[in-house]
N, C-alpha and C. Protein backbone atom coordinates (compact mmCIF):
# COMPACT_ATOMS: atom_id res chain seq x y z
N UNK A 1 -11.96 16.30 -26.45
CA UNK A 1 -13.26 15.68 -26.69
C UNK A 1 -13.23 14.27 -26.15
N UNK A 2 -14.21 13.91 -25.33
CA UNK A 2 -14.27 12.59 -24.69
C UNK A 2 -15.50 11.85 -25.19
N UNK A 3 -15.30 10.62 -25.64
CA UNK A 3 -16.43 9.78 -26.04
C UNK A 3 -16.52 8.59 -25.10
N UNK A 4 -17.73 8.20 -24.76
CA UNK A 4 -17.93 7.06 -23.88
C UNK A 4 -18.07 5.79 -24.72
N UNK A 5 -17.32 4.72 -24.39
CA UNK A 5 -17.41 3.49 -25.19
C UNK A 5 -18.78 2.85 -25.05
N UNK A 6 -19.16 2.09 -26.06
CA UNK A 6 -20.44 1.39 -26.03
C UNK A 6 -20.39 0.27 -24.99
N UNK A 7 -21.57 -0.18 -24.58
CA UNK A 7 -21.62 -1.28 -23.62
C UNK A 7 -20.98 -2.54 -24.19
N UNK A 8 -21.13 -2.73 -25.47
CA UNK A 8 -20.52 -3.90 -26.11
C UNK A 8 -18.99 -3.84 -25.99
N UNK A 9 -18.44 -2.64 -26.21
CA UNK A 9 -17.00 -2.47 -26.10
C UNK A 9 -16.53 -2.66 -24.66
N UNK A 10 -17.32 -2.18 -23.71
CA UNK A 10 -16.98 -2.36 -22.30
C UNK A 10 -16.98 -3.84 -21.94
N UNK A 11 -18.00 -4.59 -22.41
CA UNK A 11 -18.06 -6.02 -22.12
C UNK A 11 -16.87 -6.75 -22.74
N UNK A 12 -16.49 -6.35 -23.94
CA UNK A 12 -15.34 -6.96 -24.62
C UNK A 12 -14.06 -6.71 -23.81
N UNK A 13 -13.88 -5.46 -23.36
CA UNK A 13 -12.70 -5.13 -22.58
C UNK A 13 -12.68 -5.90 -21.26
N UNK A 14 -13.85 -6.01 -20.62
CA UNK A 14 -13.93 -6.75 -19.36
C UNK A 14 -13.56 -8.22 -19.57
N UNK A 15 -14.00 -8.78 -20.69
CA UNK A 15 -13.66 -10.19 -20.99
C UNK A 15 -12.15 -10.35 -21.18
N UNK A 16 -11.54 -9.41 -21.88
CA UNK A 16 -10.09 -9.46 -22.09
C UNK A 16 -9.34 -9.37 -20.76
N UNK A 17 -9.82 -8.51 -19.87
CA UNK A 17 -9.16 -8.34 -18.59
C UNK A 17 -9.31 -9.59 -17.72
N UNK A 18 -10.47 -10.26 -17.80
CA UNK A 18 -10.64 -11.51 -17.05
C UNK A 18 -9.68 -12.58 -17.56
N UNK A 19 -9.52 -12.61 -18.90
CA UNK A 19 -8.59 -13.58 -19.48
C UNK A 19 -7.15 -13.29 -19.04
N UNK A 20 -6.80 -12.01 -19.00
CA UNK A 20 -5.45 -11.65 -18.54
C UNK A 20 -5.26 -12.03 -17.08
N UNK A 21 -6.30 -11.81 -16.27
CA UNK A 21 -6.20 -12.16 -14.85
C UNK A 21 -6.00 -13.66 -14.67
N UNK A 22 -6.74 -14.46 -15.45
CA UNK A 22 -6.56 -15.91 -15.36
C UNK A 22 -5.15 -16.30 -15.79
N UNK A 23 -4.63 -15.62 -16.80
CA UNK A 23 -3.26 -15.91 -17.27
C UNK A 23 -2.24 -15.60 -16.19
N UNK A 24 -2.47 -14.52 -15.44
CA UNK A 24 -1.55 -14.16 -14.35
C UNK A 24 -1.50 -15.25 -13.31
N UNK A 25 -2.67 -15.81 -12.95
CA UNK A 25 -2.73 -16.84 -11.92
C UNK A 25 -2.06 -18.14 -12.37
N UNK A 26 -1.88 -18.33 -13.68
CA UNK A 26 -1.23 -19.54 -14.18
C UNK A 26 0.27 -19.37 -14.33
N UNK A 27 0.78 -18.20 -14.05
CA UNK A 27 2.20 -17.94 -14.22
C UNK A 27 3.03 -18.69 -13.18
N UNK A 28 4.26 -18.98 -13.53
CA UNK A 28 5.22 -19.48 -12.55
C UNK A 28 5.62 -18.33 -11.64
N UNK A 29 6.29 -18.65 -10.55
CA UNK A 29 6.69 -17.60 -9.61
C UNK A 29 7.61 -16.58 -10.28
N UNK A 30 8.56 -17.06 -11.09
CA UNK A 30 9.49 -16.13 -11.76
C UNK A 30 8.76 -15.28 -12.79
N UNK A 31 7.82 -15.88 -13.52
CA UNK A 31 7.03 -15.11 -14.49
C UNK A 31 6.17 -14.07 -13.79
N UNK A 32 5.61 -14.46 -12.64
CA UNK A 32 4.78 -13.54 -11.87
C UNK A 32 5.60 -12.34 -11.39
N UNK A 33 6.84 -12.60 -10.98
CA UNK A 33 7.72 -11.54 -10.51
C UNK A 33 8.02 -10.55 -11.63
N UNK A 34 8.30 -11.08 -12.83
CA UNK A 34 8.58 -10.21 -13.98
C UNK A 34 7.35 -9.38 -14.32
N UNK A 35 6.17 -10.01 -14.29
CA UNK A 35 4.93 -9.32 -14.62
C UNK A 35 4.71 -8.13 -13.68
N UNK A 36 4.84 -8.37 -12.36
CA UNK A 36 4.56 -7.30 -11.40
C UNK A 36 5.65 -6.26 -11.39
N UNK A 37 6.87 -6.66 -11.69
CA UNK A 37 7.94 -5.66 -11.80
C UNK A 37 7.60 -4.67 -12.91
N UNK A 38 7.23 -5.19 -14.08
CA UNK A 38 6.90 -4.32 -15.21
C UNK A 38 5.67 -3.46 -14.90
N UNK A 39 4.70 -4.06 -14.21
CA UNK A 39 3.49 -3.32 -13.85
C UNK A 39 3.83 -2.15 -12.93
N UNK A 40 4.58 -2.43 -11.87
CA UNK A 40 4.90 -1.39 -10.89
C UNK A 40 5.86 -0.34 -11.46
N UNK A 41 6.69 -0.74 -12.43
CA UNK A 41 7.58 0.22 -13.08
C UNK A 41 6.79 1.32 -13.80
N UNK A 42 5.54 1.00 -14.18
CA UNK A 42 4.72 1.97 -14.91
C UNK A 42 3.54 2.47 -14.08
N UNK A 43 3.61 2.26 -12.76
CA UNK A 43 2.47 2.58 -11.90
C UNK A 43 2.57 3.97 -11.29
N UNK A 44 3.64 4.70 -11.59
CA UNK A 44 3.85 5.99 -10.93
C UNK A 44 2.77 7.01 -11.28
N UNK A 45 2.13 6.85 -12.43
CA UNK A 45 1.11 7.82 -12.84
C UNK A 45 -0.03 7.89 -11.83
N UNK A 46 -0.23 6.83 -11.04
CA UNK A 46 -1.39 6.79 -10.15
C UNK A 46 -1.37 7.93 -9.14
N UNK A 47 -0.19 8.47 -8.83
CA UNK A 47 -0.13 9.56 -7.86
C UNK A 47 -0.78 10.83 -8.40
N UNK A 48 -1.07 10.89 -9.70
CA UNK A 48 -1.75 12.05 -10.29
C UNK A 48 -3.26 11.91 -10.28
N UNK A 49 -3.78 10.79 -9.79
CA UNK A 49 -5.21 10.53 -9.84
C UNK A 49 -5.86 10.96 -8.52
N UNK A 50 -6.73 11.99 -8.55
CA UNK A 50 -7.33 12.49 -7.30
C UNK A 50 -8.07 11.42 -6.51
N UNK A 51 -8.79 10.52 -7.20
CA UNK A 51 -9.54 9.49 -6.49
C UNK A 51 -8.62 8.55 -5.73
N UNK A 52 -7.40 8.33 -6.24
CA UNK A 52 -6.46 7.48 -5.54
C UNK A 52 -6.00 8.13 -4.24
N UNK A 53 -5.79 9.46 -4.29
CA UNK A 53 -5.39 10.18 -3.08
C UNK A 53 -6.51 10.18 -2.05
N UNK A 54 -7.75 10.26 -2.52
CA UNK A 54 -8.88 10.18 -1.58
C UNK A 54 -8.93 8.80 -0.93
N UNK A 55 -8.60 7.77 -1.70
CA UNK A 55 -8.55 6.42 -1.13
C UNK A 55 -7.47 6.34 -0.06
N UNK A 56 -6.26 6.86 -0.36
CA UNK A 56 -5.18 6.83 0.62
C UNK A 56 -5.59 7.57 1.89
N UNK A 57 -6.25 8.71 1.72
CA UNK A 57 -6.68 9.50 2.87
C UNK A 57 -7.69 8.73 3.70
N UNK A 58 -8.60 8.02 3.03
CA UNK A 58 -9.60 7.23 3.74
C UNK A 58 -8.94 6.10 4.52
N UNK A 59 -8.01 5.39 3.88
CA UNK A 59 -7.30 4.29 4.56
C UNK A 59 -6.53 4.83 5.76
N UNK A 60 -5.86 5.97 5.58
CA UNK A 60 -5.12 6.57 6.69
C UNK A 60 -6.05 6.92 7.85
N UNK A 61 -7.22 7.46 7.53
CA UNK A 61 -8.18 7.82 8.57
C UNK A 61 -8.69 6.61 9.33
N UNK A 62 -8.91 5.50 8.61
CA UNK A 62 -9.42 4.29 9.25
C UNK A 62 -8.38 3.66 10.19
N UNK A 63 -7.11 3.97 9.98
CA UNK A 63 -6.08 3.48 10.90
C UNK A 63 -6.35 3.91 12.33
N UNK A 64 -6.94 5.08 12.50
CA UNK A 64 -7.20 5.60 13.82
C UNK A 64 -6.01 6.35 14.39
N UNK A 65 -6.17 6.87 15.60
CA UNK A 65 -5.13 7.63 16.26
C UNK A 65 -3.98 6.71 16.67
N UNK A 66 -2.76 7.14 16.37
CA UNK A 66 -1.57 6.36 16.69
C UNK A 66 -0.72 7.17 17.67
N UNK A 67 -0.66 6.71 18.92
CA UNK A 67 0.01 7.51 19.94
C UNK A 67 0.94 6.70 20.84
N UNK A 68 1.06 5.40 20.61
CA UNK A 68 1.80 4.58 21.57
C UNK A 68 2.78 3.63 20.89
N UNK A 69 3.46 4.12 19.85
CA UNK A 69 4.47 3.31 19.19
C UNK A 69 3.91 2.12 18.44
N UNK A 70 2.71 2.25 17.89
CA UNK A 70 2.08 1.14 17.19
C UNK A 70 2.94 0.67 16.01
N UNK A 71 2.85 -0.63 15.72
CA UNK A 71 3.59 -1.22 14.61
C UNK A 71 2.61 -1.46 13.47
N UNK A 72 2.94 -0.88 12.30
CA UNK A 72 2.03 -0.90 11.14
C UNK A 72 2.64 -1.77 10.05
N UNK A 73 1.88 -2.72 9.53
CA UNK A 73 2.32 -3.53 8.39
C UNK A 73 1.58 -3.07 7.14
N UNK A 74 2.34 -2.68 6.11
CA UNK A 74 1.79 -2.32 4.80
C UNK A 74 2.05 -3.52 3.89
N UNK A 75 1.07 -4.41 3.79
CA UNK A 75 1.24 -5.68 3.09
C UNK A 75 0.97 -5.50 1.61
N UNK A 76 1.99 -5.71 0.78
CA UNK A 76 1.88 -5.43 -0.64
C UNK A 76 2.10 -3.96 -0.88
N UNK A 77 3.18 -3.42 -0.32
CA UNK A 77 3.41 -1.96 -0.33
C UNK A 77 3.79 -1.43 -1.70
N UNK A 78 4.23 -2.31 -2.63
CA UNK A 78 4.60 -1.85 -3.96
C UNK A 78 5.70 -0.81 -3.91
N UNK A 79 5.50 0.30 -4.61
CA UNK A 79 6.50 1.37 -4.66
C UNK A 79 6.49 2.27 -3.42
N UNK A 80 5.68 1.91 -2.43
CA UNK A 80 5.66 2.67 -1.18
C UNK A 80 4.74 3.87 -1.20
N UNK A 81 3.73 3.87 -2.06
CA UNK A 81 2.85 5.03 -2.17
C UNK A 81 2.10 5.30 -0.87
N UNK A 82 1.47 4.25 -0.30
CA UNK A 82 0.77 4.47 0.96
C UNK A 82 1.76 4.76 2.08
N UNK A 83 2.90 4.08 2.08
CA UNK A 83 3.91 4.34 3.10
C UNK A 83 4.35 5.79 3.11
N UNK A 84 4.57 6.36 1.93
CA UNK A 84 4.97 7.77 1.82
C UNK A 84 3.87 8.68 2.37
N UNK A 85 2.62 8.36 2.02
CA UNK A 85 1.49 9.15 2.49
C UNK A 85 1.39 9.05 4.02
N UNK A 86 1.51 7.84 4.54
CA UNK A 86 1.43 7.61 5.98
C UNK A 86 2.53 8.35 6.73
N UNK A 87 3.77 8.21 6.26
CA UNK A 87 4.90 8.83 6.94
C UNK A 87 4.82 10.36 6.89
N UNK A 88 4.42 10.89 5.74
CA UNK A 88 4.29 12.35 5.61
C UNK A 88 3.29 12.89 6.62
N UNK A 89 2.12 12.24 6.71
CA UNK A 89 1.11 12.68 7.67
C UNK A 89 1.61 12.58 9.10
N UNK A 90 2.29 11.49 9.42
CA UNK A 90 2.78 11.31 10.79
C UNK A 90 3.86 12.34 11.14
N UNK A 91 4.75 12.62 10.17
CA UNK A 91 5.81 13.60 10.42
C UNK A 91 5.22 14.97 10.72
N UNK A 92 4.26 15.41 9.90
CA UNK A 92 3.65 16.73 10.13
C UNK A 92 2.85 16.75 11.42
N UNK A 93 2.17 15.64 11.72
CA UNK A 93 1.40 15.58 12.97
C UNK A 93 2.32 15.73 14.17
N UNK A 94 3.47 15.05 14.14
CA UNK A 94 4.39 15.10 15.27
C UNK A 94 5.13 16.44 15.35
N UNK A 95 5.29 17.10 14.21
CA UNK A 95 5.86 18.45 14.25
C UNK A 95 4.93 19.40 14.99
N UNK A 96 3.64 19.28 14.71
CA UNK A 96 2.65 20.17 15.32
C UNK A 96 2.57 19.92 16.82
N UNK A 97 2.60 18.64 17.22
CA UNK A 97 2.45 18.31 18.65
C UNK A 97 3.80 18.21 19.36
N UNK A 98 4.91 18.32 18.59
CA UNK A 98 6.27 18.14 19.12
C UNK A 98 6.48 16.74 19.67
N UNK A 99 5.60 15.82 19.30
CA UNK A 99 5.74 14.43 19.72
C UNK A 99 5.59 14.23 21.21
N UNK A 100 4.98 15.19 21.91
CA UNK A 100 4.90 15.14 23.36
C UNK A 100 3.93 14.04 23.81
N UNK A 101 4.40 13.25 24.78
CA UNK A 101 3.54 12.26 25.42
C UNK A 101 3.20 11.07 24.54
N UNK A 102 3.91 10.85 23.44
CA UNK A 102 3.58 9.71 22.60
C UNK A 102 4.83 9.17 21.91
N UNK A 103 4.80 7.88 21.64
CA UNK A 103 5.88 7.26 20.90
C UNK A 103 5.50 7.19 19.42
N UNK A 104 6.47 7.40 18.56
CA UNK A 104 6.19 7.39 17.11
C UNK A 104 5.80 5.99 16.65
N UNK A 105 4.84 5.90 15.73
CA UNK A 105 4.51 4.58 15.17
C UNK A 105 5.65 4.07 14.30
N UNK A 106 5.69 2.78 14.11
CA UNK A 106 6.75 2.15 13.31
C UNK A 106 6.10 1.48 12.10
N UNK A 107 6.67 1.76 10.95
CA UNK A 107 6.11 1.28 9.66
C UNK A 107 6.96 0.14 9.12
N UNK A 108 6.30 -0.93 8.66
CA UNK A 108 6.97 -2.03 7.97
C UNK A 108 6.29 -2.23 6.62
N UNK A 109 7.04 -2.13 5.54
CA UNK A 109 6.51 -2.36 4.20
C UNK A 109 6.95 -3.70 3.67
N UNK A 110 6.01 -4.43 3.10
CA UNK A 110 6.30 -5.79 2.59
C UNK A 110 5.85 -5.92 1.14
N UNK A 111 6.73 -6.44 0.30
CA UNK A 111 6.38 -6.73 -1.09
C UNK A 111 7.34 -7.79 -1.61
N UNK A 112 6.99 -8.44 -2.72
CA UNK A 112 7.87 -9.49 -3.24
C UNK A 112 8.65 -9.04 -4.47
N UNK A 113 8.50 -7.76 -4.87
CA UNK A 113 9.22 -7.23 -6.02
C UNK A 113 10.39 -6.37 -5.53
N UNK A 114 11.63 -6.82 -5.68
CA UNK A 114 12.78 -6.09 -5.14
C UNK A 114 12.90 -4.66 -5.66
N UNK A 115 12.64 -4.46 -6.96
CA UNK A 115 12.77 -3.11 -7.52
C UNK A 115 11.74 -2.16 -6.91
N UNK A 116 10.55 -2.66 -6.59
CA UNK A 116 9.53 -1.83 -5.96
C UNK A 116 9.97 -1.42 -4.56
N UNK A 117 10.58 -2.35 -3.83
CA UNK A 117 11.06 -2.03 -2.49
C UNK A 117 12.18 -0.99 -2.54
N UNK A 118 13.04 -1.10 -3.55
CA UNK A 118 14.10 -0.09 -3.69
C UNK A 118 13.51 1.28 -3.99
N UNK A 119 12.46 1.30 -4.82
CA UNK A 119 11.79 2.57 -5.13
C UNK A 119 11.15 3.15 -3.87
N UNK A 120 10.53 2.29 -3.06
CA UNK A 120 9.95 2.74 -1.80
C UNK A 120 11.03 3.33 -0.90
N UNK A 121 12.18 2.65 -0.83
CA UNK A 121 13.27 3.16 -0.01
C UNK A 121 13.75 4.53 -0.46
N UNK A 122 13.83 4.72 -1.78
CA UNK A 122 14.25 6.04 -2.31
C UNK A 122 13.24 7.11 -1.91
N UNK A 123 11.95 6.80 -1.98
CA UNK A 123 10.93 7.77 -1.59
C UNK A 123 11.06 8.13 -0.12
N UNK A 124 11.26 7.13 0.72
CA UNK A 124 11.35 7.39 2.15
C UNK A 124 12.60 8.19 2.49
N UNK A 125 13.67 7.98 1.73
CA UNK A 125 14.91 8.72 2.00
C UNK A 125 14.73 10.21 1.74
N UNK A 126 13.84 10.58 0.82
CA UNK A 126 13.54 12.00 0.61
C UNK A 126 12.95 12.62 1.88
N UNK A 127 12.10 11.84 2.57
CA UNK A 127 11.51 12.34 3.81
C UNK A 127 12.54 12.37 4.94
N UNK A 128 13.55 11.55 4.81
CA UNK A 128 14.56 11.40 5.85
C UNK A 128 15.47 12.62 5.97
N UNK A 129 15.42 13.52 4.98
CA UNK A 129 16.32 14.66 4.95
C UNK A 129 16.14 15.58 6.15
N UNK A 130 14.93 15.64 6.69
CA UNK A 130 14.66 16.51 7.84
C UNK A 130 14.61 15.68 9.12
N UNK A 131 15.27 16.18 10.17
CA UNK A 131 15.26 15.49 11.46
C UNK A 131 14.17 16.04 12.38
N UNK A 132 13.41 17.03 11.93
CA UNK A 132 12.42 17.67 12.80
C UNK A 132 11.06 17.03 12.65
N UNK A 133 10.98 15.72 12.93
CA UNK A 133 9.69 15.04 12.79
C UNK A 133 9.11 14.63 14.13
N UNK A 134 9.56 15.31 15.20
CA UNK A 134 8.99 15.02 16.51
C UNK A 134 9.68 13.89 17.24
N UNK A 135 10.70 13.25 16.64
CA UNK A 135 11.43 12.20 17.32
C UNK A 135 12.41 12.83 18.31
N UNK A 136 12.76 12.07 19.32
CA UNK A 136 13.75 12.54 20.27
C UNK A 136 15.07 12.79 19.58
N UNK A 137 15.77 13.87 19.93
CA UNK A 137 17.04 14.20 19.31
C UNK A 137 18.00 13.03 19.45
N UNK A 138 18.65 12.67 18.35
CA UNK A 138 19.62 11.58 18.37
C UNK A 138 19.04 10.23 17.99
N UNK A 139 17.70 10.13 17.90
CA UNK A 139 17.08 8.87 17.49
C UNK A 139 16.75 8.93 16.01
N UNK A 140 16.64 7.77 15.36
CA UNK A 140 16.32 7.76 13.93
C UNK A 140 14.95 8.40 13.67
N UNK A 141 14.80 9.05 12.52
CA UNK A 141 13.52 9.62 12.16
C UNK A 141 12.56 8.52 11.74
N UNK A 142 11.26 8.88 11.65
CA UNK A 142 10.26 7.92 11.19
C UNK A 142 10.63 7.36 9.82
N UNK A 143 11.03 8.24 8.90
CA UNK A 143 11.37 7.81 7.54
C UNK A 143 12.62 6.94 7.54
N UNK A 144 13.59 7.28 8.38
CA UNK A 144 14.82 6.50 8.45
C UNK A 144 14.52 5.09 8.93
N UNK A 145 13.66 4.97 9.94
CA UNK A 145 13.29 3.65 10.42
C UNK A 145 12.52 2.87 9.36
N UNK A 146 11.67 3.57 8.59
CA UNK A 146 10.91 2.90 7.53
C UNK A 146 11.84 2.36 6.45
N UNK A 147 12.90 3.10 6.12
CA UNK A 147 13.88 2.63 5.12
C UNK A 147 14.50 1.31 5.54
N UNK A 148 14.66 1.13 6.86
CA UNK A 148 15.29 -0.08 7.38
C UNK A 148 14.28 -1.20 7.62
N UNK A 149 13.01 -0.93 7.36
CA UNK A 149 11.96 -1.90 7.70
C UNK A 149 11.19 -2.36 6.48
N UNK A 150 11.84 -2.36 5.33
CA UNK A 150 11.22 -2.88 4.10
C UNK A 150 11.60 -4.35 3.96
N UNK A 151 10.61 -5.18 3.75
CA UNK A 151 10.80 -6.63 3.80
C UNK A 151 10.33 -7.26 2.49
N UNK A 152 11.16 -8.14 1.91
CA UNK A 152 10.77 -8.86 0.70
C UNK A 152 10.14 -10.20 1.09
N UNK A 153 8.87 -10.37 0.74
CA UNK A 153 8.16 -11.61 1.04
C UNK A 153 6.95 -11.71 0.12
N UNK A 154 6.48 -12.94 -0.06
CA UNK A 154 5.37 -13.23 -0.96
C UNK A 154 4.10 -13.41 -0.14
N UNK A 155 3.05 -12.66 -0.47
CA UNK A 155 1.79 -12.76 0.26
C UNK A 155 1.03 -14.06 -0.04
N UNK A 156 1.49 -14.83 -1.02
CA UNK A 156 0.84 -16.10 -1.32
C UNK A 156 1.30 -17.23 -0.41
N UNK A 157 2.26 -16.96 0.45
CA UNK A 157 2.73 -17.97 1.41
C UNK A 157 2.64 -17.37 2.82
N UNK A 158 2.97 -18.16 3.82
CA UNK A 158 2.88 -17.69 5.20
C UNK A 158 3.78 -16.48 5.42
N UNK A 159 3.29 -15.52 6.19
CA UNK A 159 4.05 -14.31 6.45
C UNK A 159 5.22 -14.60 7.40
N UNK A 160 6.35 -13.95 7.19
CA UNK A 160 7.54 -14.22 8.01
C UNK A 160 7.54 -13.44 9.32
N UNK A 161 6.40 -13.45 10.01
CA UNK A 161 6.27 -12.69 11.25
C UNK A 161 5.65 -13.56 12.33
N UNK A 162 5.90 -13.21 13.58
CA UNK A 162 5.34 -13.92 14.71
C UNK A 162 3.86 -13.59 14.88
N UNK A 163 3.16 -14.42 15.64
CA UNK A 163 1.77 -14.14 15.98
C UNK A 163 1.67 -12.84 16.78
N UNK A 164 0.54 -12.15 16.65
CA UNK A 164 0.22 -10.99 17.48
C UNK A 164 1.34 -9.95 17.47
N UNK A 165 1.81 -9.59 16.29
CA UNK A 165 2.98 -8.71 16.19
C UNK A 165 2.60 -7.27 15.83
N UNK A 166 1.58 -7.09 14.99
CA UNK A 166 1.26 -5.76 14.45
C UNK A 166 -0.03 -5.21 15.06
N UNK A 167 -0.02 -3.90 15.30
CA UNK A 167 -1.22 -3.23 15.80
C UNK A 167 -2.19 -2.87 14.68
N UNK A 168 -1.66 -2.63 13.49
CA UNK A 168 -2.47 -2.35 12.31
C UNK A 168 -1.88 -3.10 11.12
N UNK A 169 -2.76 -3.63 10.28
CA UNK A 169 -2.33 -4.23 9.01
C UNK A 169 -3.13 -3.59 7.90
N UNK A 170 -2.43 -3.07 6.90
CA UNK A 170 -3.06 -2.45 5.73
C UNK A 170 -2.71 -3.27 4.50
N UNK A 171 -3.72 -3.58 3.70
CA UNK A 171 -3.49 -4.25 2.42
C UNK A 171 -4.34 -3.51 1.38
N UNK A 172 -3.70 -2.65 0.61
CA UNK A 172 -4.40 -1.71 -0.25
C UNK A 172 -4.35 -2.16 -1.71
N UNK A 173 -5.51 -2.54 -2.26
CA UNK A 173 -5.66 -2.91 -3.68
C UNK A 173 -4.73 -4.05 -4.08
N UNK A 174 -4.67 -5.09 -3.24
CA UNK A 174 -3.77 -6.21 -3.50
C UNK A 174 -4.48 -7.56 -3.49
N UNK A 175 -5.40 -7.81 -2.54
CA UNK A 175 -5.90 -9.17 -2.31
C UNK A 175 -6.55 -9.78 -3.55
N UNK A 176 -7.12 -8.96 -4.42
CA UNK A 176 -7.77 -9.50 -5.61
C UNK A 176 -6.81 -10.15 -6.59
N UNK A 177 -5.51 -9.93 -6.41
CA UNK A 177 -4.51 -10.50 -7.31
C UNK A 177 -3.81 -11.72 -6.72
N UNK A 178 -4.20 -12.14 -5.52
CA UNK A 178 -3.52 -13.24 -4.84
C UNK A 178 -4.13 -14.58 -5.22
N UNK A 179 -3.36 -15.64 -5.04
CA UNK A 179 -3.83 -16.99 -5.37
C UNK A 179 -4.99 -17.40 -4.48
N UNK A 180 -4.88 -17.14 -3.18
CA UNK A 180 -5.90 -17.53 -2.21
C UNK A 180 -6.09 -16.38 -1.22
N UNK A 181 -6.92 -15.40 -1.56
CA UNK A 181 -7.09 -14.22 -0.70
C UNK A 181 -7.49 -14.56 0.73
N UNK A 182 -8.37 -15.55 0.90
CA UNK A 182 -8.84 -15.89 2.25
C UNK A 182 -7.69 -16.42 3.10
N UNK A 183 -6.82 -17.22 2.50
CA UNK A 183 -5.66 -17.73 3.23
C UNK A 183 -4.76 -16.58 3.68
N UNK A 184 -4.56 -15.61 2.80
CA UNK A 184 -3.71 -14.47 3.15
C UNK A 184 -4.34 -13.62 4.23
N UNK A 185 -5.66 -13.41 4.17
CA UNK A 185 -6.34 -12.63 5.20
C UNK A 185 -6.23 -13.34 6.55
N UNK A 186 -6.28 -14.67 6.55
CA UNK A 186 -6.08 -15.40 7.81
C UNK A 186 -4.68 -15.14 8.37
N UNK A 187 -3.70 -15.02 7.46
CA UNK A 187 -2.35 -14.69 7.91
C UNK A 187 -2.29 -13.29 8.51
N UNK A 188 -3.02 -12.35 7.91
CA UNK A 188 -3.09 -11.00 8.47
C UNK A 188 -3.65 -11.04 9.90
N UNK A 189 -4.71 -11.83 10.08
CA UNK A 189 -5.32 -11.94 11.40
C UNK A 189 -4.34 -12.59 12.39
N UNK A 190 -3.57 -13.54 11.93
CA UNK A 190 -2.60 -14.22 12.80
C UNK A 190 -1.55 -13.24 13.35
N UNK A 191 -1.04 -12.37 12.48
CA UNK A 191 0.03 -11.46 12.91
C UNK A 191 -0.50 -10.20 13.58
N UNK A 192 -1.82 -10.05 13.61
CA UNK A 192 -2.45 -8.86 14.19
C UNK A 192 -2.69 -9.09 15.69
N UNK A 193 -2.38 -8.09 16.52
CA UNK A 193 -2.62 -8.23 17.96
C UNK A 193 -4.12 -8.31 18.22
N UNK A 194 -4.53 -8.97 19.30
CA UNK A 194 -5.95 -8.97 19.67
C UNK A 194 -6.45 -7.53 19.84
N UNK A 195 -7.55 -7.22 19.19
CA UNK A 195 -8.08 -5.86 19.24
C UNK A 195 -7.42 -4.92 18.25
N UNK A 196 -6.50 -5.45 17.42
CA UNK A 196 -5.86 -4.63 16.39
C UNK A 196 -6.82 -4.32 15.25
N UNK A 197 -6.32 -3.67 14.24
CA UNK A 197 -7.20 -3.22 13.16
C UNK A 197 -6.64 -3.65 11.81
N UNK A 198 -7.48 -4.29 10.99
CA UNK A 198 -7.11 -4.75 9.65
C UNK A 198 -7.89 -3.94 8.62
N UNK A 199 -7.18 -3.29 7.70
CA UNK A 199 -7.81 -2.49 6.65
C UNK A 199 -7.46 -3.10 5.30
N UNK A 200 -8.46 -3.61 4.60
CA UNK A 200 -8.27 -4.23 3.29
C UNK A 200 -9.13 -3.50 2.28
N UNK A 201 -8.54 -3.07 1.17
CA UNK A 201 -9.30 -2.46 0.08
C UNK A 201 -9.10 -3.28 -1.18
N UNK A 202 -10.11 -3.27 -2.03
CA UNK A 202 -10.01 -4.01 -3.28
C UNK A 202 -11.07 -3.49 -4.25
N UNK A 203 -10.78 -3.55 -5.53
CA UNK A 203 -11.78 -3.18 -6.53
C UNK A 203 -12.89 -4.23 -6.57
N UNK A 204 -14.11 -3.77 -6.75
CA UNK A 204 -15.22 -4.71 -6.89
C UNK A 204 -15.07 -5.49 -8.20
N UNK A 205 -15.57 -6.73 -8.24
CA UNK A 205 -15.55 -7.47 -9.51
C UNK A 205 -16.27 -6.69 -10.61
N UNK A 206 -15.71 -6.73 -11.80
CA UNK A 206 -16.28 -6.03 -12.96
C UNK A 206 -16.42 -4.53 -12.70
N UNK A 207 -15.43 -3.97 -12.02
CA UNK A 207 -15.49 -2.54 -11.70
C UNK A 207 -15.50 -1.69 -12.97
N UNK A 208 -16.34 -0.66 -12.96
CA UNK A 208 -16.37 0.32 -14.04
C UNK A 208 -15.57 1.54 -13.58
N UNK A 209 -14.38 1.71 -14.12
CA UNK A 209 -13.48 2.77 -13.68
C UNK A 209 -13.61 4.04 -14.52
N UNK A 210 -14.65 4.10 -15.36
CA UNK A 210 -14.76 5.25 -16.26
C UNK A 210 -14.98 6.56 -15.48
N UNK A 211 -15.67 6.50 -14.32
CA UNK A 211 -15.89 7.72 -13.55
C UNK A 211 -14.58 8.25 -12.99
N UNK A 212 -13.69 7.35 -12.59
CA UNK A 212 -12.37 7.78 -12.12
C UNK A 212 -11.63 8.48 -13.24
N UNK A 213 -11.74 7.93 -14.47
CA UNK A 213 -11.10 8.57 -15.61
C UNK A 213 -11.69 9.95 -15.86
N UNK A 214 -13.02 10.06 -15.77
CA UNK A 214 -13.66 11.36 -16.00
C UNK A 214 -13.20 12.38 -14.96
N UNK A 215 -13.12 11.95 -13.71
CA UNK A 215 -12.66 12.86 -12.65
C UNK A 215 -11.23 13.32 -12.90
N UNK A 216 -10.39 12.38 -13.32
CA UNK A 216 -9.00 12.70 -13.61
C UNK A 216 -8.91 13.68 -14.79
N UNK A 217 -9.69 13.40 -15.83
CA UNK A 217 -9.69 14.25 -17.02
C UNK A 217 -10.18 15.65 -16.68
N UNK A 218 -11.23 15.72 -15.85
CA UNK A 218 -11.77 17.02 -15.47
C UNK A 218 -10.76 17.83 -14.65
N UNK A 219 -10.07 17.15 -13.73
CA UNK A 219 -9.06 17.82 -12.90
C UNK A 219 -7.90 18.30 -13.77
N UNK A 220 -7.48 17.47 -14.73
CA UNK A 220 -6.36 17.83 -15.61
C UNK A 220 -6.73 19.04 -16.47
């Protein structure tokens, strides 16, 4: 049995969440690290949410066709959820085409939480078990290269990359939690090649997520 909360209760919850968000922005760097570590440690449930998978699929589609060894930056990769989705799709695509006439894209995941990066590495290593991902025999697989391309860095400061380095930059559900989102987006533009593609997703202010919950409940 599902009951919908009253508007008063929703407003109260929204106020509490705004207060929590302000508290996060006042944290020291070490406190912020602990906060996000605990958050990401409990974030695995999101892979069971159909709407989240539709979001990942949409982001993947907006990346466009990748056929010439493009370099992809997953900024704020967390536990590697989008990276896993991206690599899985690329591996199956290259199996079907045998990788003929194209170079495999290269994935770089960036986050400032070490435990999240280790979790991402573990996920990618599961994909690494098969060598039949369309790569040339004797070369590292897509997943193997991704395991070696996880970078610890803070999106609140300048990115540790050269100008015009990435063909695609993805930042999925992260910018709303940053100290200065516009400054970070300028950094994304700096490291993006001319004519490259930047994909940024974020929840709208005062988002009502009850429909996502209903969809999840209905699917379950």
